[in-house]
């Protein structure tokens, strides 16, 4: 329902909804905004398990990562309540039919494309520089990133294993890499007014939104 209001002037949204939002919620929103990371994007390319998508989304939101891109996820993009715990509500989600269109768009925005794979080109994740704006890509659970996606990556990394298992579950791997990338990534953002307005829209009951009409 909030989609019809998202194009309104952010300041108008905030000023109009302000009386309907508790001081506690406003304080929480300000704290979240202060730590929000808009410079690290997560791309889930072809994942088929909705549980994995929900778990990764929940972890991303917990770290303060705002932007998540879902490529060719089909029905798996339906978040499971138990895994996501409502985290997807606070994320900016973008849906794509083709990996190349998603990655080229992100590169056009100035982001470095970092893939995850066990291919020969990959290097250990600790040696990758995540300090600049970048997109971190995770591939399908069984086959990983396809060659067409790997060919568009500026760098490819992997998590080394000390055991017999060569790889981790994608949601576990994503958690490790997001935590590492997030600690290096710059969180400073110039304009968070639109995001604040979006949080205000999601913080009131649907019938209150009519005051914006």
N, C-alpha and C. Protein backbone atom coordinates (compact mmCIF):
# COMPACT_ATOMS: atom_id res chain seq x y z
N UNK A 1 0.82 -1.21 0.00
CA UNK A 1 0.00 0.00 0.00
C UNK A 1 0.86 1.27 0.00
N UNK A 2 2.06 1.18 0.58
CA UNK A 2 2.87 2.39 0.71
C UNK A 2 3.46 2.84 -0.63
N UNK A 3 3.42 1.96 -1.65
CA UNK A 3 4.03 2.30 -2.94
C UNK A 3 3.49 3.60 -3.51
N UNK A 4 2.20 3.85 -3.34
CA UNK A 4 1.59 5.05 -3.91
C UNK A 4 2.07 6.33 -3.23
N UNK A 5 2.67 6.19 -2.04
CA UNK A 5 3.13 7.37 -1.30
C UNK A 5 4.64 7.58 -1.40
N UNK A 6 5.36 6.59 -1.87
CA UNK A 6 6.82 6.67 -1.86
C UNK A 6 7.38 7.75 -2.79
N UNK A 7 6.59 8.18 -3.77
CA UNK A 7 7.05 9.21 -4.70
C UNK A 7 6.77 10.62 -4.20
N UNK A 8 6.11 10.73 -3.06
CA UNK A 8 5.85 12.05 -2.49
C UNK A 8 7.14 12.67 -1.97
N UNK A 9 7.13 13.97 -1.76
CA UNK A 9 8.29 14.66 -1.22
C UNK A 9 8.64 14.08 0.16
N UNK A 10 9.90 13.64 0.36
CA UNK A 10 10.27 13.01 1.63
C UNK A 10 10.00 13.90 2.85
N UNK A 11 10.29 15.19 2.75
CA UNK A 11 10.06 16.08 3.88
C UNK A 11 8.58 16.18 4.22
N UNK A 12 7.73 16.19 3.18
CA UNK A 12 6.29 16.22 3.41
C UNK A 12 5.84 14.96 4.15
N UNK A 13 6.37 13.82 3.75
CA UNK A 13 6.02 12.55 4.41
C UNK A 13 6.42 12.59 5.88
N UNK A 14 7.64 13.00 6.15
CA UNK A 14 8.16 13.02 7.51
C UNK A 14 7.37 14.00 8.39
N UNK A 15 7.15 15.20 7.88
CA UNK A 15 6.43 16.22 8.66
C UNK A 15 4.98 15.81 8.94
N UNK A 16 4.35 15.17 7.95
CA UNK A 16 2.94 14.79 8.09
C UNK A 16 2.76 13.62 9.04
N UNK A 17 3.67 12.64 8.97
CA UNK A 17 3.53 11.44 9.79
C UNK A 17 4.15 11.58 11.18
N UNK A 18 4.91 12.63 11.38
CA UNK A 18 5.62 12.81 12.65
C UNK A 18 4.71 12.69 13.89
N UNK A 19 3.52 13.30 13.89
CA UNK A 19 2.66 13.20 15.08
C UNK A 19 2.17 11.78 15.38
N UNK A 20 2.24 10.91 14.40
CA UNK A 20 1.71 9.55 14.56
C UNK A 20 2.78 8.53 14.95
N UNK A 21 4.01 8.98 15.10
CA UNK A 21 5.11 8.08 15.41
C UNK A 21 5.64 8.39 16.80
N UNK A 22 5.81 7.36 17.61
CA UNK A 22 6.24 7.56 18.99
C UNK A 22 7.69 8.05 19.05
N UNK A 23 8.03 8.70 20.13
CA UNK A 23 9.40 9.18 20.33
C UNK A 23 10.38 8.01 20.34
N UNK A 24 9.95 6.89 20.87
CA UNK A 24 10.82 5.70 20.91
C UNK A 24 11.13 5.22 19.50
N UNK A 25 10.12 5.19 18.66
CA UNK A 25 10.34 4.76 17.28
C UNK A 25 11.21 5.76 16.53
N UNK A 26 10.97 7.05 16.74
CA UNK A 26 11.80 8.07 16.08
C UNK A 26 13.26 7.92 16.47
N UNK A 27 13.50 7.67 17.75
CA UNK A 27 14.86 7.50 18.24
C UNK A 27 15.52 6.28 17.59
N UNK A 28 14.75 5.20 17.45
CA UNK A 28 15.26 3.99 16.82
C UNK A 28 15.60 4.24 15.36
N UNK A 29 14.74 4.96 14.67
CA UNK A 29 14.97 5.27 13.26
C UNK A 29 16.25 6.07 13.09
N UNK A 30 16.46 7.07 13.96
CA UNK A 30 17.67 7.90 13.87
C UNK A 30 18.93 7.08 14.12
N UNK A 31 18.87 6.15 15.08
CA UNK A 31 20.02 5.30 15.37
C UNK A 31 20.33 4.38 14.19
N UNK A 32 19.29 3.83 13.59
CA UNK A 32 19.47 2.94 12.44
C UNK A 32 20.05 3.72 11.26
N UNK A 33 19.51 4.89 10.99
CA UNK A 33 20.00 5.71 9.88
C UNK A 33 21.48 6.07 10.05
N UNK A 34 21.87 6.34 11.29
CA UNK A 34 23.26 6.74 11.56
C UNK A 34 24.25 5.63 11.22
N UNK A 35 23.77 4.37 11.25
CA UNK A 35 24.65 3.24 10.98
C UNK A 35 24.36 2.55 9.64
N UNK A 36 23.43 3.13 8.85
CA UNK A 36 23.04 2.48 7.59
C UNK A 36 24.17 2.57 6.57
N UNK A 37 24.38 1.47 5.88
CA UNK A 37 25.44 1.37 4.87
C UNK A 37 24.81 1.29 3.48
N UNK A 38 24.95 2.37 2.72
CA UNK A 38 24.42 2.39 1.36
C UNK A 38 25.51 2.13 0.32
N UNK A 39 26.74 1.92 0.78
CA UNK A 39 27.86 1.73 -0.13
C UNK A 39 28.19 0.27 -0.41
N UNK A 40 27.52 -0.63 0.30
CA UNK A 40 27.71 -2.07 0.09
C UNK A 40 26.38 -2.67 -0.35
N UNK A 41 26.34 -3.18 -1.58
CA UNK A 41 25.14 -3.81 -2.11
C UNK A 41 25.33 -5.33 -2.12
N UNK A 42 24.25 -6.05 -1.85
CA UNK A 42 24.27 -7.52 -1.90
C UNK A 42 23.46 -7.97 -3.11
N UNK A 43 24.03 -8.88 -3.89
CA UNK A 43 23.35 -9.43 -5.07
C UNK A 43 23.20 -10.93 -4.89
N UNK A 44 21.97 -11.42 -4.96
CA UNK A 44 21.70 -12.86 -4.88
C UNK A 44 21.30 -13.32 -6.27
N UNK A 45 22.19 -14.04 -6.91
CA UNK A 45 22.05 -14.39 -8.33
C UNK A 45 21.59 -15.83 -8.51
N UNK A 46 20.29 -16.00 -8.72
CA UNK A 46 19.76 -17.32 -9.04
C UNK A 46 19.50 -18.23 -7.86
N UNK A 47 19.50 -17.71 -6.64
CA UNK A 47 19.21 -18.57 -5.49
C UNK A 47 17.79 -19.12 -5.58
N UNK A 48 17.61 -20.36 -5.17
CA UNK A 48 16.31 -21.01 -5.30
C UNK A 48 15.66 -21.33 -3.95
N UNK A 49 16.40 -21.26 -2.89
CA UNK A 49 15.88 -21.59 -1.56
C UNK A 49 15.44 -20.32 -0.85
N UNK A 50 14.15 -20.19 -0.61
CA UNK A 50 13.62 -18.98 0.05
C UNK A 50 14.17 -18.82 1.46
N UNK A 51 14.50 -19.95 2.11
CA UNK A 51 15.08 -19.88 3.45
C UNK A 51 16.43 -19.20 3.43
N UNK A 52 17.24 -19.52 2.42
CA UNK A 52 18.56 -18.88 2.29
C UNK A 52 18.43 -17.39 2.00
N UNK A 53 17.51 -17.04 1.11
CA UNK A 53 17.31 -15.63 0.77
C UNK A 53 16.85 -14.85 1.99
N UNK A 54 15.94 -15.44 2.76
CA UNK A 54 15.44 -14.77 3.96
C UNK A 54 16.54 -14.61 5.01
N UNK A 55 17.34 -15.66 5.19
CA UNK A 55 18.41 -15.61 6.19
C UNK A 55 19.46 -14.58 5.81
N UNK A 56 19.84 -14.53 4.54
CA UNK A 56 20.83 -13.55 4.09
C UNK A 56 20.28 -12.13 4.25
N UNK A 57 19.02 -11.95 3.93
CA UNK A 57 18.40 -10.63 4.05
C UNK A 57 18.36 -10.18 5.51
N UNK A 58 18.04 -11.10 6.39
CA UNK A 58 18.01 -10.78 7.82
C UNK A 58 19.39 -10.37 8.31
N UNK A 59 20.42 -11.11 7.89
CA UNK A 59 21.79 -10.79 8.30
C UNK A 59 22.22 -9.44 7.75
N UNK A 60 21.90 -9.19 6.48
CA UNK A 60 22.27 -7.92 5.85
C UNK A 60 21.63 -6.75 6.61
N UNK A 61 20.35 -6.86 6.90
CA UNK A 61 19.65 -5.78 7.60
C UNK A 61 20.24 -5.57 8.99
N UNK A 62 20.61 -6.66 9.66
CA UNK A 62 21.19 -6.56 10.99
C UNK A 62 22.52 -5.82 10.96
N UNK A 63 23.30 -6.02 9.91
CA UNK A 63 24.59 -5.32 9.78
C UNK A 63 24.41 -3.86 9.35
N UNK A 64 23.21 -3.50 8.91
CA UNK A 64 22.96 -2.14 8.47
C UNK A 64 23.09 -1.97 6.97
N UNK A 65 23.18 -3.07 6.24
CA UNK A 65 23.25 -3.02 4.79
C UNK A 65 21.84 -2.80 4.25
N UNK A 66 21.67 -1.81 3.39
CA UNK A 66 20.33 -1.41 2.95
C UNK A 66 19.87 -2.05 1.64
N UNK A 67 20.78 -2.20 0.68
CA UNK A 67 20.38 -2.56 -0.68
C UNK A 67 20.65 -4.02 -1.02
N UNK A 68 19.62 -4.71 -1.47
CA UNK A 68 19.76 -6.11 -1.86
C UNK A 68 19.10 -6.32 -3.21
N UNK A 69 19.80 -7.00 -4.10
CA UNK A 69 19.34 -7.23 -5.46
C UNK A 69 19.06 -8.72 -5.66
N UNK A 70 17.88 -9.03 -6.16
CA UNK A 70 17.45 -10.41 -6.36
C UNK A 70 17.36 -10.69 -7.86
N UNK A 71 18.24 -11.57 -8.34
CA UNK A 71 18.32 -11.87 -9.77
C UNK A 71 17.82 -13.28 -10.04
N UNK A 72 16.83 -13.40 -10.87
CA UNK A 72 16.32 -14.71 -11.29
C UNK A 72 16.00 -15.62 -10.10
N UNK A 73 15.42 -15.06 -9.06
CA UNK A 73 15.12 -15.86 -7.88
C UNK A 73 13.74 -16.52 -7.95
N UNK A 74 12.95 -16.11 -8.93
CA UNK A 74 11.61 -16.69 -9.15
C UNK A 74 10.81 -16.68 -7.83
N UNK A 75 10.13 -17.78 -7.54
CA UNK A 75 9.27 -17.83 -6.35
C UNK A 75 10.04 -17.80 -5.05
N UNK A 76 11.36 -18.04 -5.13
CA UNK A 76 12.16 -18.06 -3.91
C UNK A 76 12.23 -16.71 -3.24
N UNK A 77 11.89 -15.65 -3.97
CA UNK A 77 11.95 -14.31 -3.40
C UNK A 77 10.87 -14.08 -2.35
N UNK A 78 9.96 -15.03 -2.18
CA UNK A 78 8.97 -14.93 -1.12
C UNK A 78 9.66 -15.22 0.21
N UNK A 79 9.74 -14.22 1.07
CA UNK A 79 10.49 -14.37 2.30
C UNK A 79 9.73 -15.25 3.30
N UNK A 80 10.49 -16.09 4.01
CA UNK A 80 9.89 -16.93 5.03
C UNK A 80 9.96 -16.20 6.36
N UNK A 81 8.83 -16.04 7.05
CA UNK A 81 8.78 -15.27 8.29
C UNK A 81 9.79 -15.71 9.34
N UNK A 82 9.96 -17.03 9.47
CA UNK A 82 10.86 -17.55 10.51
C UNK A 82 12.31 -17.14 10.25
N UNK A 83 12.72 -17.16 8.98
CA UNK A 83 14.11 -16.84 8.65
C UNK A 83 14.37 -15.35 8.56
N UNK A 84 13.41 -14.60 7.99
CA UNK A 84 13.66 -13.17 7.77
C UNK A 84 13.32 -12.32 8.98
N UNK A 85 12.39 -12.80 9.83
CA UNK A 85 11.97 -12.04 11.02
C UNK A 85 11.56 -10.61 10.66
N UNK A 86 10.97 -10.44 9.46
CA UNK A 86 10.50 -9.14 9.04
C UNK A 86 11.58 -8.19 8.55
N UNK A 87 12.83 -8.69 8.43
CA UNK A 87 13.93 -7.82 8.03
C UNK A 87 13.72 -7.22 6.65
N UNK A 88 13.11 -7.99 5.73
CA UNK A 88 12.94 -7.52 4.36
C UNK A 88 12.10 -6.24 4.28
N UNK A 89 11.29 -6.01 5.30
CA UNK A 89 10.45 -4.81 5.33
C UNK A 89 11.29 -3.54 5.30
N UNK A 90 12.49 -3.60 5.88
CA UNK A 90 13.32 -2.41 6.03
C UNK A 90 14.41 -2.30 4.97
N UNK A 91 14.47 -3.27 4.08
CA UNK A 91 15.48 -3.27 3.02
C UNK A 91 14.95 -2.62 1.75
N UNK A 92 15.88 -2.10 0.96
CA UNK A 92 15.53 -1.65 -0.40
C UNK A 92 15.84 -2.82 -1.32
N UNK A 93 14.78 -3.41 -1.89
CA UNK A 93 14.95 -4.61 -2.72
C UNK A 93 14.74 -4.28 -4.19
N UNK A 94 15.60 -4.86 -5.03
CA UNK A 94 15.53 -4.64 -6.48
C UNK A 94 15.50 -6.00 -7.16
N UNK A 95 14.60 -6.14 -8.13
CA UNK A 95 14.42 -7.42 -8.80
C UNK A 95 14.88 -7.33 -10.26
N UNK A 96 15.64 -8.33 -10.68
CA UNK A 96 16.21 -8.36 -12.02
C UNK A 96 15.96 -9.71 -12.69
N UNK A 97 15.80 -9.70 -14.01
CA UNK A 97 15.64 -10.94 -14.77
C UNK A 97 16.96 -11.45 -15.34
N UNK A 98 17.94 -10.55 -15.45
CA UNK A 98 19.23 -10.93 -16.02
C UNK A 98 20.38 -10.43 -15.15
N UNK A 99 21.35 -11.30 -14.95
CA UNK A 99 22.52 -10.94 -14.14
C UNK A 99 23.29 -9.79 -14.77
N UNK A 100 23.48 -9.85 -16.08
CA UNK A 100 24.30 -8.84 -16.75
C UNK A 100 23.71 -7.44 -16.59
N UNK A 101 22.39 -7.31 -16.69
CA UNK A 101 21.75 -6.01 -16.55
C UNK A 101 21.94 -5.47 -15.13
N UNK A 102 21.83 -6.34 -14.16
CA UNK A 102 22.01 -5.94 -12.76
C UNK A 102 23.44 -5.47 -12.52
N UNK A 103 24.41 -6.28 -12.92
CA UNK A 103 25.81 -5.97 -12.64
C UNK A 103 26.30 -4.75 -13.41
N UNK A 104 25.87 -4.62 -14.66
CA UNK A 104 26.27 -3.45 -15.45
C UNK A 104 25.66 -2.17 -14.89
N UNK A 105 24.44 -2.26 -14.37
CA UNK A 105 23.80 -1.10 -13.75
C UNK A 105 24.57 -0.68 -12.50
N UNK A 106 24.96 -1.64 -11.69
CA UNK A 106 25.71 -1.34 -10.48
C UNK A 106 27.08 -0.75 -10.81
N UNK A 107 27.71 -1.29 -11.85
CA UNK A 107 29.01 -0.75 -12.26
C UNK A 107 28.85 0.68 -12.76
N UNK A 108 27.76 0.96 -13.47
CA UNK A 108 27.50 2.31 -13.96
C UNK A 108 27.34 3.29 -12.81
N UNK A 109 26.87 2.78 -11.66
CA UNK A 109 26.72 3.61 -10.46
C UNK A 109 28.05 3.81 -9.72
N UNK A 110 29.11 3.20 -10.24
CA UNK A 110 30.43 3.37 -9.64
C UNK A 110 30.82 2.30 -8.64
N UNK A 111 30.09 1.19 -8.61
CA UNK A 111 30.39 0.13 -7.65
C UNK A 111 31.37 -0.89 -8.25
N UNK A 112 32.27 -1.36 -7.42
CA UNK A 112 33.15 -2.46 -7.81
C UNK A 112 32.38 -3.76 -7.64
N UNK A 113 32.48 -4.66 -8.61
CA UNK A 113 31.74 -5.92 -8.58
C UNK A 113 32.64 -7.02 -8.04
N UNK A 114 32.23 -7.60 -6.92
CA UNK A 114 33.03 -8.64 -6.26
C UNK A 114 32.21 -9.93 -6.19
N UNK A 115 32.67 -10.95 -6.89
CA UNK A 115 31.97 -12.23 -6.91
C UNK A 115 32.52 -13.18 -5.86
N UNK A 116 31.78 -14.24 -5.61
CA UNK A 116 32.21 -15.29 -4.68
C UNK A 116 32.21 -16.61 -5.42
N UNK A 117 33.35 -17.29 -5.42
CA UNK A 117 33.47 -18.53 -6.18
C UNK A 117 34.76 -19.24 -5.78
N UNK A 118 34.83 -20.54 -6.10
CA UNK A 118 36.04 -21.32 -5.87
C UNK A 118 36.83 -21.49 -7.16
N UNK A 119 36.57 -20.64 -8.14
CA UNK A 119 37.25 -20.76 -9.43
C UNK A 119 38.73 -20.38 -9.31
N UNK A 120 39.48 -20.62 -10.35
CA UNK A 120 40.93 -20.39 -10.33
C UNK A 120 41.29 -18.92 -10.14
N UNK A 121 40.41 -18.02 -10.55
CA UNK A 121 40.69 -16.58 -10.44
C UNK A 121 40.49 -16.06 -9.02
N UNK A 122 39.85 -16.83 -8.18
CA UNK A 122 39.47 -16.34 -6.85
C UNK A 122 40.68 -16.21 -5.93
N UNK A 123 40.61 -15.22 -5.04
CA UNK A 123 41.64 -15.05 -4.01
C UNK A 123 40.96 -14.99 -2.65
N UNK A 124 41.71 -15.27 -1.62
CA UNK A 124 41.14 -15.32 -0.29
C UNK A 124 40.49 -13.98 0.05
N UNK A 125 39.34 -14.02 0.70
CA UNK A 125 38.52 -12.82 0.88
C UNK A 125 39.21 -11.74 1.69
N UNK A 126 40.14 -12.11 2.59
CA UNK A 126 40.82 -11.11 3.41
C UNK A 126 41.72 -10.20 2.59
N UNK A 127 42.06 -10.62 1.37
CA UNK A 127 42.96 -9.81 0.54
C UNK A 127 42.21 -8.85 -0.38
N UNK A 128 40.89 -8.86 -0.32
CA UNK A 128 40.07 -8.00 -1.17
C UNK A 128 39.78 -6.68 -0.44
N UNK A 129 39.86 -5.58 -1.17
CA UNK A 129 39.59 -4.26 -0.61
C UNK A 129 38.10 -3.93 -0.74
N UNK A 130 37.41 -3.84 0.39
CA UNK A 130 35.98 -3.53 0.41
C UNK A 130 35.73 -2.09 0.85
N UNK A 131 36.77 -1.26 0.92
CA UNK A 131 36.61 0.08 1.47
C UNK A 131 35.88 1.03 0.52
N UNK A 132 35.88 0.74 -0.77
CA UNK A 132 35.18 1.57 -1.75
C UNK A 132 33.78 0.98 -1.99
N UNK A 133 32.84 1.77 -2.52
CA UNK A 133 31.50 1.23 -2.81
C UNK A 133 31.59 -0.01 -3.69
N UNK A 134 30.90 -1.06 -3.29
CA UNK A 134 31.00 -2.31 -4.04
C UNK A 134 29.73 -3.14 -3.92
N UNK A 135 29.61 -4.10 -4.81
CA UNK A 135 28.51 -5.06 -4.80
C UNK A 135 29.09 -6.45 -4.60
N UNK A 136 28.57 -7.18 -3.63
CA UNK A 136 29.04 -8.52 -3.30
C UNK A 136 28.01 -9.52 -3.80
N UNK A 137 28.44 -10.43 -4.67
CA UNK A 137 27.50 -11.32 -5.36
C UNK A 137 27.63 -12.77 -4.89
N UNK A 138 26.48 -13.38 -4.64
CA UNK A 138 26.42 -14.79 -4.26
C UNK A 138 25.58 -15.55 -5.28
N UNK A 139 26.08 -16.73 -5.69
CA UNK A 139 25.40 -17.49 -6.73
C UNK A 139 24.51 -18.59 -6.20
N UNK A 140 23.91 -19.30 -7.11
CA UNK A 140 22.96 -20.38 -6.82
C UNK A 140 23.58 -21.45 -5.92
N UNK A 141 22.76 -22.04 -5.05
CA UNK A 141 23.25 -22.91 -3.99
C UNK A 141 24.13 -24.06 -4.48
N UNK A 142 23.74 -24.71 -5.56
CA UNK A 142 24.47 -25.89 -6.02
C UNK A 142 25.63 -25.55 -6.96
N UNK A 143 25.35 -24.73 -7.97
CA UNK A 143 26.35 -24.48 -9.02
C UNK A 143 27.13 -23.18 -8.84
N UNK A 144 26.70 -22.31 -7.93
CA UNK A 144 27.41 -21.06 -7.70
C UNK A 144 27.16 -20.05 -8.81
N UNK A 145 28.06 -19.09 -8.94
CA UNK A 145 27.91 -18.06 -9.97
C UNK A 145 28.18 -18.64 -11.35
N UNK A 146 27.35 -18.23 -12.31
CA UNK A 146 27.54 -18.65 -13.69
C UNK A 146 28.68 -17.86 -14.31
N UNK A 147 29.25 -18.41 -15.40
CA UNK A 147 30.40 -17.77 -16.05
C UNK A 147 30.08 -16.37 -16.54
N UNK A 148 28.84 -16.16 -16.99
CA UNK A 148 28.46 -14.83 -17.48
C UNK A 148 28.55 -13.79 -16.37
N UNK A 149 28.25 -14.19 -15.15
CA UNK A 149 28.37 -13.27 -14.01
C UNK A 149 29.82 -13.11 -13.58
N UNK A 150 30.55 -14.22 -13.57
CA UNK A 150 31.96 -14.17 -13.18
C UNK A 150 32.76 -13.27 -14.12
N UNK A 151 32.39 -13.28 -15.40
CA UNK A 151 33.13 -12.48 -16.39
C UNK A 151 32.97 -10.98 -16.15
N UNK A 152 31.92 -10.59 -15.42
CA UNK A 152 31.67 -9.17 -15.15
C UNK A 152 32.22 -8.73 -13.80
N UNK A 153 32.82 -9.64 -13.07
CA UNK A 153 33.35 -9.30 -11.75
C UNK A 153 34.72 -8.63 -11.87
N UNK A 154 34.92 -7.61 -11.06
CA UNK A 154 36.24 -6.97 -10.98
C UNK A 154 37.20 -7.80 -10.15
N UNK A 155 36.66 -8.45 -9.14
CA UNK A 155 37.45 -9.36 -8.30
C UNK A 155 36.56 -10.52 -7.88
N UNK A 156 37.19 -11.66 -7.58
CA UNK A 156 36.47 -12.85 -7.11
C UNK A 156 37.17 -13.36 -5.86
N UNK A 157 36.40 -13.70 -4.84
CA UNK A 157 36.99 -14.15 -3.59
C UNK A 157 36.36 -15.45 -3.10
N UNK A 158 37.03 -16.07 -2.16
CA UNK A 158 36.51 -17.30 -1.56
C UNK A 158 36.88 -17.34 -0.08
N UNK A 159 36.18 -18.19 0.66
CA UNK A 159 36.47 -18.40 2.08
C UNK A 159 37.26 -19.70 2.20
N UNK A 160 38.48 -19.67 2.68
CA UNK A 160 39.28 -20.89 2.77
C UNK A 160 38.70 -21.86 3.80
N UNK A 161 38.87 -23.14 3.53
CA UNK A 161 38.37 -24.18 4.43
C UNK A 161 39.53 -24.95 5.05
N UNK A 162 39.41 -25.25 6.34
CA UNK A 162 40.42 -26.07 7.03
C UNK A 162 39.93 -27.49 7.24
N UNK A 163 38.75 -27.79 6.70
CA UNK A 163 38.17 -29.12 6.87
C UNK A 163 38.07 -29.87 5.56
N UNK A 164 37.36 -30.99 5.57
CA UNK A 164 37.18 -31.79 4.36
C UNK A 164 36.16 -31.15 3.42
N UNK A 165 35.18 -30.43 3.98
CA UNK A 165 34.19 -29.76 3.14
C UNK A 165 34.82 -28.55 2.48
N UNK A 166 34.63 -28.45 1.18
CA UNK A 166 35.28 -27.37 0.43
C UNK A 166 34.52 -26.05 0.53
N UNK A 167 33.21 -26.12 0.72
CA UNK A 167 32.42 -24.89 0.72
C UNK A 167 31.40 -24.87 1.85
N UNK A 168 30.87 -23.69 2.11
CA UNK A 168 29.87 -23.47 3.17
C UNK A 168 28.49 -23.29 2.56
N UNK A 169 27.47 -23.45 3.37
CA UNK A 169 26.12 -23.07 2.95
C UNK A 169 26.14 -21.61 2.57
N UNK A 170 25.40 -21.24 1.52
CA UNK A 170 25.48 -19.88 0.99
C UNK A 170 25.09 -18.82 2.02
N UNK A 171 24.15 -19.12 2.89
CA UNK A 171 23.75 -18.12 3.89
C UNK A 171 24.84 -17.94 4.95
N UNK A 172 25.56 -19.02 5.26
CA UNK A 172 26.68 -18.92 6.21
C UNK A 172 27.83 -18.14 5.59
N UNK A 173 28.16 -18.49 4.34
CA UNK A 173 29.23 -17.78 3.62
C UNK A 173 28.90 -16.30 3.49
N UNK A 174 27.64 -16.01 3.17
CA UNK A 174 27.23 -14.62 3.02
C UNK A 174 27.40 -13.85 4.33
N UNK A 175 27.05 -14.48 5.45
CA UNK A 175 27.20 -13.83 6.74
C UNK A 175 28.65 -13.48 7.05
N UNK A 176 29.56 -14.42 6.76
CA UNK A 176 30.99 -14.18 7.01
C UNK A 176 31.50 -13.04 6.14
N UNK A 177 31.17 -13.08 4.86
CA UNK A 177 31.68 -12.07 3.93
C UNK A 177 31.03 -10.70 4.14
N UNK A 178 29.75 -10.68 4.45
CA UNK A 178 29.09 -9.40 4.72
C UNK A 178 29.68 -8.74 5.96
N UNK A 179 29.95 -9.52 6.99
CA UNK A 179 30.54 -8.96 8.20
C UNK A 179 31.92 -8.36 7.89
N UNK A 180 32.73 -9.09 7.13
CA UNK A 180 34.07 -8.61 6.79
C UNK A 180 33.99 -7.36 5.92
N UNK A 181 33.14 -7.40 4.89
CA UNK A 181 33.02 -6.26 3.97
C UNK A 181 32.45 -5.04 4.69
N UNK A 182 31.48 -5.27 5.54
CA UNK A 182 30.82 -4.17 6.25
C UNK A 182 31.79 -3.43 7.16
N UNK A 183 32.70 -4.15 7.80
CA UNK A 183 33.64 -3.50 8.70
C UNK A 183 34.63 -2.62 7.94
N UNK A 184 34.87 -2.92 6.66
CA UNK A 184 35.78 -2.10 5.85
C UNK A 184 35.06 -0.96 5.13
N UNK A 185 33.79 -1.18 4.83
CA UNK A 185 33.05 -0.25 3.99
C UNK A 185 32.73 1.05 4.70
N UNK A 186 32.78 2.15 3.95
CA UNK A 186 32.42 3.46 4.49
C UNK A 186 30.91 3.57 4.62
N UNK A 187 30.43 4.04 5.77
CA UNK A 187 28.99 4.14 6.03
C UNK A 187 28.45 5.54 5.77
N UNK A 188 29.35 6.49 5.52
CA UNK A 188 28.90 7.88 5.41
C UNK A 188 28.04 8.09 4.17
N UNK A 189 26.88 8.67 4.36
CA UNK A 189 25.98 8.96 3.25
C UNK A 189 25.50 10.41 3.37
N UNK A 190 25.46 11.08 2.25
CA UNK A 190 25.12 12.50 2.25
C UNK A 190 23.65 12.77 2.55
N UNK A 191 22.77 12.01 1.91
CA UNK A 191 21.34 12.32 2.01
C UNK A 191 20.54 11.07 2.35
N UNK A 192 20.03 11.04 3.57
CA UNK A 192 19.23 9.90 4.01
C UNK A 192 17.77 10.27 4.20
N UNK A 193 17.39 11.44 3.69
CA UNK A 193 16.02 11.92 3.89
C UNK A 193 14.99 10.98 3.27
N UNK A 194 15.26 10.51 2.06
CA UNK A 194 14.32 9.61 1.39
C UNK A 194 14.17 8.30 2.15
N UNK A 195 15.28 7.79 2.65
CA UNK A 195 15.22 6.55 3.42
C UNK A 195 14.48 6.76 4.74
N UNK A 196 14.69 7.90 5.36
CA UNK A 196 13.96 8.22 6.59
C UNK A 196 12.46 8.28 6.32
N UNK A 197 12.08 8.89 5.22
CA UNK A 197 10.67 8.97 4.86
C UNK A 197 10.09 7.58 4.64
N UNK A 198 10.88 6.70 4.02
CA UNK A 198 10.44 5.32 3.79
C UNK A 198 10.22 4.59 5.11
N UNK A 199 11.11 4.80 6.07
CA UNK A 199 10.95 4.18 7.39
C UNK A 199 9.71 4.72 8.11
N UNK A 200 9.45 6.01 7.93
CA UNK A 200 8.24 6.58 8.53
C UNK A 200 6.99 5.93 7.94
N UNK A 201 6.98 5.73 6.62
CA UNK A 201 5.84 5.10 5.96
C UNK A 201 5.59 3.69 6.51
N UNK A 202 6.67 3.01 6.83
CA UNK A 202 6.57 1.63 7.30
C UNK A 202 6.37 1.53 8.81
N UNK A 203 6.34 2.66 9.48
CA UNK A 203 6.22 2.66 10.94
C UNK A 203 4.83 3.00 11.44
N UNK A 204 3.91 3.27 10.52
CA UNK A 204 2.53 3.59 10.93
C UNK A 204 1.57 2.56 10.35
N UNK A 205 0.41 2.45 10.97
CA UNK A 205 -0.61 1.54 10.44
C UNK A 205 -1.15 2.07 9.13
N UNK A 206 -1.60 1.15 8.29
CA UNK A 206 -2.00 1.51 6.92
C UNK A 206 -3.09 2.57 6.86
N UNK A 207 -4.02 2.57 7.80
CA UNK A 207 -5.11 3.56 7.72
C UNK A 207 -4.62 4.98 7.97
N UNK A 208 -3.49 5.11 8.70
CA UNK A 208 -2.94 6.45 8.98
C UNK A 208 -2.35 7.08 7.72
N UNK A 209 -1.93 6.25 6.78
CA UNK A 209 -1.32 6.77 5.55
C UNK A 209 -2.27 7.66 4.77
N UNK A 210 -3.56 7.56 5.04
CA UNK A 210 -4.53 8.37 4.31
C UNK A 210 -4.35 9.87 4.56
N UNK A 211 -3.67 10.22 5.65
CA UNK A 211 -3.44 11.64 5.92
C UNK A 211 -2.53 12.25 4.86
N UNK A 212 -1.86 11.41 4.09
CA UNK A 212 -0.97 11.89 3.03
C UNK A 212 -1.70 12.18 1.73
N UNK A 213 -2.94 11.75 1.64
CA UNK A 213 -3.73 11.95 0.41
C UNK A 213 -4.12 13.42 0.22
